Amino acid sequence: MKTSVILRFAILGLLWLGLVTYIVVNTPKFTLYTAFVIVASAIIIFVPIYKKYVKNGNQ
């Protein structure tokens, strides 16, 4: 993988992790809905990028 692809994953990962931390800290109690939102957001963000750059090998 190119360095630019790794950098994209790292930046998006850090932003996503920051937002997840914000959600977890600011919700009164952790529910199944909160877990669903976190998992769904990870799928929406990371699966298309994985398919484009890792699975197909297009760089």
PDB file of N, CA and C in Angstrom:
ATOM      1  N   MET A   1       0.843  -1.181   0.000  1.00  0.00           N
ATOM      2  CA  MET A   1       0.000   0.000   0.000  1.00  0.00           C
ATOM      3  C   MET A   1       0.883   1.237   0.000  1.00  0.00           C
ATOM      4  N   LYS A   2       0.395   2.250  -0.675  1.00  0.00           N
ATOM      5  CA  LYS A   2       1.114   3.514  -0.699  1.00  0.00           C
ATOM      6  C   LYS A   2       1.014   4.219   0.643  1.00  0.00           C
ATOM      7  N   THR A   3       1.953   5.096   0.869  1.00  0.00           N
ATOM      8  CA  THR A   3       1.951   5.875   2.106  1.00  0.00           C
ATOM      9  C   THR A   3       0.714   6.760   2.196  1.00  0.00           C
ATOM     10  N   SER A   4       0.254   7.282   1.068  1.00  0.00           N
ATOM     11  CA  SER A   4      -0.927   8.154   1.086  1.00  0.00           C
ATOM     12  C   SER A   4      -2.178   7.394   1.520  1.00  0.00           C
ATOM     13  N   VAL A   5      -2.293   6.137   1.134  1.00  0.00           N
ATOM     14  CA  VAL A   5      -3.448   5.323   1.533  1.00  0.00           C
ATOM     15  C   VAL A   5      -3.393   5.040   3.030  1.00  0.00           C
ATOM     16  N   ILE A   6      -2.208   4.713   3.521  1.00  0.00           N
ATOM     17  CA  ILE A   6      -2.051   4.469   4.956  1.00  0.00           C
ATOM     18  C   ILE A   6      -2.369   5.731   5.740  1.00  0.00           C
ATOM     19  N   LEU A   7      -1.942   6.876   5.235  1.00  0.00           N
ATOM     20  CA  LEU A   7      -2.226   8.150   5.893  1.00  0.00           C
ATOM     21  C   LEU A   7      -3.722   8.445   5.906  1.00  0.00           C
ATOM     22  N   ARG A   8      -4.413   8.135   4.819  1.00  0.00           N
ATOM     23  CA  ARG A   8      -5.876   8.322   4.781  1.00  0.00           C
ATOM     24  C   ARG A   8      -6.562   7.461   5.833  1.00  0.00           C
ATOM     25  N   PHE A   9      -6.160   6.182   5.902  1.00  0.00           N
ATOM     26  CA  PHE A   9      -6.732   5.300   6.915  1.00  0.00           C
ATOM     27  C   PHE A   9      -6.466   5.834   8.315  1.00  0.00           C
ATOM     28  N   ALA A  10      -5.263   6.306   8.561  1.00  0.00           N
ATOM     29  CA  ALA A  10      -4.897   6.791   9.893  1.00  0.00           C
ATOM     30  C   ALA A  10      -5.697   8.031  10.270  1.00  0.00           C
ATOM     31  N   ILE A  11      -5.816   8.979   9.350  1.00  0.00           N
ATOM     32  CA  ILE A  11      -6.554  10.215   9.639  1.00  0.00           C
ATOM     33  C   ILE A  11      -8.035   9.912   9.863  1.00  0.00           C
ATOM     34  N   LEU A  12      -8.627   9.127   8.979  1.00  0.00           N
ATOM     35  CA  LEU A  12     -10.040   8.780   9.160  1.00  0.00           C
ATOM     36  C   LEU A  12     -10.257   7.968  10.431  1.00  0.00           C
ATOM     37  N   GLY A  13      -9.330   7.080  10.726  1.00  0.00           N
ATOM     38  CA  GLY A  13      -9.437   6.282  11.939  1.00  0.00           C
ATOM     39  C   GLY A  13      -9.384   7.139  13.188  1.00  0.00           C
ATOM     40  N   LEU A  14      -8.480   8.107  13.209  1.00  0.00           N
ATOM     41  CA  LEU A  14      -8.385   8.998  14.367  1.00  0.00           C
ATOM     42  C   LEU A  14      -9.623   9.873  14.514  1.00  0.00           C
ATOM     43  N   LEU A  15     -10.128  10.386  13.389  1.00  0.00           N
ATOM     44  CA  LEU A  15     -11.358  11.191  13.442  1.00  0.00           C
ATOM     45  C   LEU A  15     -12.537  10.352  13.924  1.00  0.00           C
ATOM     46  N   TRP A  16     -12.658   9.146  13.388  1.00  0.00           N
ATOM     47  CA  TRP A  16     -13.748   8.264  13.801  1.00  0.00           C
ATOM     48  C   TRP A  16     -13.624   7.909  15.277  1.00  0.00           C
ATOM     49  N   LEU A  17     -12.423   7.599  15.715  1.00  0.00           N
ATOM     50  CA  LEU A  17     -12.205   7.265  17.117  1.00  0.00           C
ATOM     51  C   LEU A  17     -12.539   8.437  18.033  1.00  0.00           C
ATOM     52  N   GLY A  18     -12.200   9.647  17.606  1.00  0.00           N
ATOM     53  CA  GLY A  18     -12.545  10.831  18.380  1.00  0.00           C
ATOM     54  C   GLY A  18     -14.047  11.025  18.487  1.00  0.00           C
ATOM     55  N   LEU A  19     -14.748  10.812  17.383  1.00  0.00           N
ATOM     56  CA  LEU A  19     -16.203  10.950  17.408  1.00  0.00           C
ATOM     57  C   LEU A  19     -16.863   9.859  18.251  1.00  0.00           C
ATOM     58  N   VAL A  20     -16.342   8.657  18.185  1.00  0.00           N
ATOM     59  CA  VAL A  20     -16.875   7.571  19.016  1.00  0.00           C
ATOM     60  C   VAL A  20     -16.648   7.884  20.494  1.00  0.00           C
ATOM     61  N   THR A  21     -15.479   8.392  20.806  1.00  0.00           N
ATOM     62  CA  THR A  21     -15.192   8.779  22.185  1.00  0.00           C
ATOM     63  C   THR A  21     -16.166   9.859  22.648  1.00  0.00           C
ATOM     64  N   TYR A  22     -16.421  10.826  21.794  1.00  0.00           N
ATOM     65  CA  TYR A  22     -17.370  11.895  22.112  1.00  0.00           C
ATOM     66  C   TYR A  22     -18.770  11.328  22.369  1.00  0.00           C
ATOM     67  N   ILE A  23     -19.192  10.393  21.533  1.00  0.00           N
ATOM     68  CA  ILE A  23     -20.515   9.780  21.706  1.00  0.00           C
ATOM     69  C   ILE A  23     -20.587   9.023  23.026  1.00  0.00           C
ATOM     70  N   VAL A  24     -19.579   8.222  23.307  1.00  0.00           N
ATOM     71  CA  VAL A  24     -19.597   7.390  24.515  1.00  0.00           C
ATOM     72  C   VAL A  24     -19.537   8.252  25.779  1.00  0.00           C
ATOM     73  N   VAL A  25     -18.728   9.287  25.760  1.00  0.00           N
ATOM     74  CA  VAL A  25     -18.584  10.135  26.951  1.00  0.00           C
ATOM     75  C   VAL A  25     -19.849  10.952  27.210  1.00  0.00           C
ATOM     76  N   ASN A  26     -20.504  11.411  26.162  1.00  0.00           N
ATOM     77  CA  ASN A  26     -21.633  12.325  26.332  1.00  0.00           C
ATOM     78  C   ASN A  26     -23.003  11.659  26.346  1.00  0.00           C
ATOM     79  N   THR A  27     -23.066  10.346  26.277  1.00  0.00           N
ATOM     80  CA  THR A  27     -24.362   9.692  26.420  1.00  0.00           C
ATOM     81  C   THR A  27     -24.543   9.287  27.876  1.00  0.00           C
ATOM     82  N   PRO A  28     -25.748   9.472  28.411  1.00  0.00           N
ATOM     83  CA  PRO A  28     -25.966   9.163  29.824  1.00  0.00           C
ATOM     84  C   PRO A  28     -25.710   7.689  30.167  1.00  0.00           C
ATOM     85  N   LYS A  29     -26.156   6.780  29.304  1.00  0.00           N
ATOM     86  CA  LYS A  29     -25.848   5.371  29.529  1.00  0.00           C
ATOM     87  C   LYS A  29     -25.669   4.692  28.174  1.00  0.00           C
ATOM     88  N   PHE A  30     -24.785   3.724  28.160  1.00  0.00           N
ATOM     89  CA  PHE A  30     -24.463   3.009  26.931  1.00  0.00           C
ATOM     90  C   PHE A  30     -25.556   1.985  26.654  1.00  0.00           C
ATOM     91  N   THR A  31     -26.208   2.129  25.497  1.00  0.00           N
ATOM     92  CA  THR A  31     -27.301   1.225  25.136  1.00  0.00           C
ATOM     93  C   THR A  31     -26.946   0.463  23.868  1.00  0.00           C
ATOM     94  N   LEU A  32     -27.815  -0.449  23.511  1.00  0.00           N
ATOM     95  CA  LEU A  32     -27.637  -1.201  22.282  1.00  0.00           C
ATOM     96  C   LEU A  32     -27.711  -0.281  21.068  1.00  0.00           C
ATOM     97  N   TYR A  33     -28.544   0.743  21.150  1.00  0.00           N
ATOM     98  CA  TYR A  33     -28.643   1.710  20.059  1.00  0.00           C
ATOM     99  C   TYR A  33     -27.317   2.452  19.859  1.00  0.00           C
ATOM    100  N   THR A  34     -26.660   2.824  20.945  1.00  0.00           N
ATOM    101  CA  THR A  34     -25.371   3.498  20.851  1.00  0.00           C
ATOM    102  C   THR A  34     -24.342   2.582  20.196  1.00  0.00           C
ATOM    103  N   ALA A  35     -24.338   1.324  20.576  1.00  0.00           N
ATOM    104  CA  ALA A  35     -23.425   0.358  19.967  1.00  0.00           C
ATOM    105  C   ALA A  35     -23.715   0.196  18.480  1.00  0.00           C
ATOM    106  N   PHE A  36     -25.002   0.176  18.123  1.00  0.00           N
ATOM    107  CA  PHE A  36     -25.383   0.065  16.713  1.00  0.00           C
ATOM    108  C   PHE A  36     -24.883   1.259  15.920  1.00  0.00           C
ATOM    109  N   VAL A  37     -25.029   2.457  16.464  1.00  0.00           N
ATOM    110  CA  VAL A  37     -24.568   3.662  15.776  1.00  0.00           C
ATOM    111  C   VAL A  37     -23.056   3.612  15.553  1.00  0.00           C
ATOM    112  N   ILE A  38     -22.326   3.149  16.534  1.00  0.00           N
ATOM    113  CA  ILE A  38     -20.864   3.072  16.422  1.00  0.00           C
ATOM    114  C   ILE A  38     -20.462   2.052  15.356  1.00  0.00           C
ATOM    115  N   VAL A  39     -21.072   0.876  15.378  1.00  0.00           N
ATOM    116  CA  VAL A  39     -20.733  -0.158  14.398  1.00  0.00           C
ATOM    117  C   VAL A  39     -21.159   0.260  12.994  1.00  0.00           C
ATOM    118  N   ALA A  40     -22.343   0.827  12.865  1.00  0.00           N
ATOM    119  CA  ALA A  40     -22.820   1.263  11.555  1.00  0.00           C
ATOM    120  C   ALA A  40     -21.925   2.356  10.981  1.00  0.00           C
ATOM    121  N   SER A  41     -21.482   3.280  11.813  1.00  0.00           N
ATOM    122  CA  SER A  41     -20.614   4.341  11.306  1.00  0.00           C
ATOM    123  C   SER A  41     -19.271   3.783  10.864  1.00  0.00           C
ATOM    124  N   ALA A  42     -18.758   2.793  11.568  1.00  0.00           N
ATOM    125  CA  ALA A  42     -17.499   2.168  11.153  1.00  0.00           C
ATOM    126  C   ALA A  42     -17.657   1.473   9.810  1.00  0.00           C
ATOM    127  N   ILE A  43     -18.763   0.788   9.619  1.00  0.00           N
ATOM    128  CA  ILE A  43     -19.012   0.107   8.346  1.00  0.00           C
ATOM    129  C   ILE A  43     -19.135   1.116   7.212  1.00  0.00           C
ATOM    130  N   ILE A  44     -19.873   2.185   7.446  1.00  0.00           N
ATOM    131  CA  ILE A  44     -20.074   3.201   6.413  1.00  0.00           C
ATOM    132  C   ILE A  44     -18.763   3.873   6.033  1.00  0.00           C
ATOM    133  N   ILE A  45     -17.882   4.077   6.985  1.00  0.00           N
ATOM    134  CA  ILE A  45     -16.634   4.781   6.717  1.00  0.00           C
ATOM    135  C   ILE A  45     -15.556   3.863   6.151  1.00  0.00           C
ATOM    136  N   PHE A  46     -15.345   2.712   6.761  1.00  0.00           N
ATOM    137  CA  PHE A  46     -14.160   1.922   6.446  1.00  0.00           C
ATOM    138  C   PHE A  46     -14.348   0.869   5.356  1.00  0.00           C
ATOM    139  N   VAL A  47     -15.529   0.331   5.161  1.00  0.00           N
ATOM    140  CA  VAL A  47     -15.721  -0.715   4.158  1.00  0.00           C
ATOM    141  C   VAL A  47     -15.490  -0.203   2.738  1.00  0.00           C
ATOM    142  N   PRO A  48     -16.042   0.942   2.337  1.00  0.00           N
ATOM    143  CA  PRO A  48     -15.760   1.417   0.972  1.00  0.00           C
ATOM    144  C   PRO A  48     -14.276   1.704   0.732  1.00  0.00           C
ATOM    145  N   ILE A  49     -13.610   2.239   1.729  1.00  0.00           N
ATOM    146  CA  ILE A  49     -12.186   2.526   1.575  1.00  0.00           C
ATOM    147  C   ILE A  49     -11.404   1.227   1.469  1.00  0.00           C
ATOM    148  N   TYR A  50     -11.758   0.242   2.277  1.00  0.00           N
ATOM    149  CA  TYR A  50     -11.101  -1.060   2.220  1.00  0.00           C
ATOM    150  C   TYR A  50     -11.291  -1.691   0.844  1.00  0.00           C
ATOM    151  N   LYS A  51     -12.522  -1.651   0.346  1.00  0.00           N
ATOM    152  CA  LYS A  51     -12.799  -2.239  -0.966  1.00  0.00           C
ATOM    153  C   LYS A  51     -12.015  -1.540  -2.071  1.00  0.00           C
ATOM    154  N   LYS A  52     -11.883  -0.238  -1.980  1.00  0.00           N
ATOM    155  CA  LYS A  52     -11.214   0.510  -3.039  1.00  0.00           C
ATOM    156  C   LYS A  52      -9.707   0.320  -3.026  1.00  0.00           C
ATOM    157  N   TYR A  53      -9.094   0.388  -1.858  1.00  0.00           N
ATOM    158  CA  TYR A  53      -7.643   0.417  -1.812  1.00  0.00           C
ATOM    159  C   TYR A  53      -6.980  -0.897  -1.414  1.00  0.00           C
ATOM    160  N   VAL A  54      -7.620  -1.717  -0.623  1.00  0.00           N
ATOM    161  CA  VAL A  54      -6.960  -2.922  -0.129  1.00  0.00           C
ATOM    162  C   VAL A  54      -7.390  -4.145  -0.924  1.00  0.00           C
ATOM    163  N   LYS A  55      -8.688  -4.357  -1.046  1.00  0.00           N
ATOM    164  CA  LYS A  55      -9.182  -5.566  -1.675  1.00  0.00           C
ATOM    165  C   LYS A  55      -8.836  -5.624  -3.164  1.00  0.00           C
ATOM    166  N   ASN A  56      -9.079  -4.547  -3.889  1.00  0.00           N
ATOM    167  CA  ASN A  56      -8.826  -4.527  -5.327  1.00  0.00           C
ATOM    168  C   ASN A  56      -7.378  -4.237  -5.660  1.00  0.00           C
ATOM    169  N   GLY A  57      -6.664  -3.658  -4.741  1.00  0.00           N
ATOM    170  CA  GLY A  57      -5.267  -3.338  -4.993  1.00  0.00           C
ATOM    171  C   GLY A  57      -5.063  -2.118  -5.867  1.00  0.00           C
ATOM    172  N   ASN A  58      -6.126  -1.360  -6.099  1.00  0.00           N
ATOM    173  CA  ASN A  58      -5.995  -0.137  -6.900  1.00  0.00           C
ATOM    174  C   ASN A  58      -5.345   0.932  -6.067  1.00  0.00           C
ATOM    175  N   GLN A  59      -4.257   1.465  -6.574  1.00  0.00           N
ATOM    176  CA  GLN A  59      -3.580   2.512  -5.820  1.00  0.00           C
ATOM    177  C   GLN A  59      -3.379   3.685  -6.706  1.00  0.00           C
TER     178      GLN A  59
END
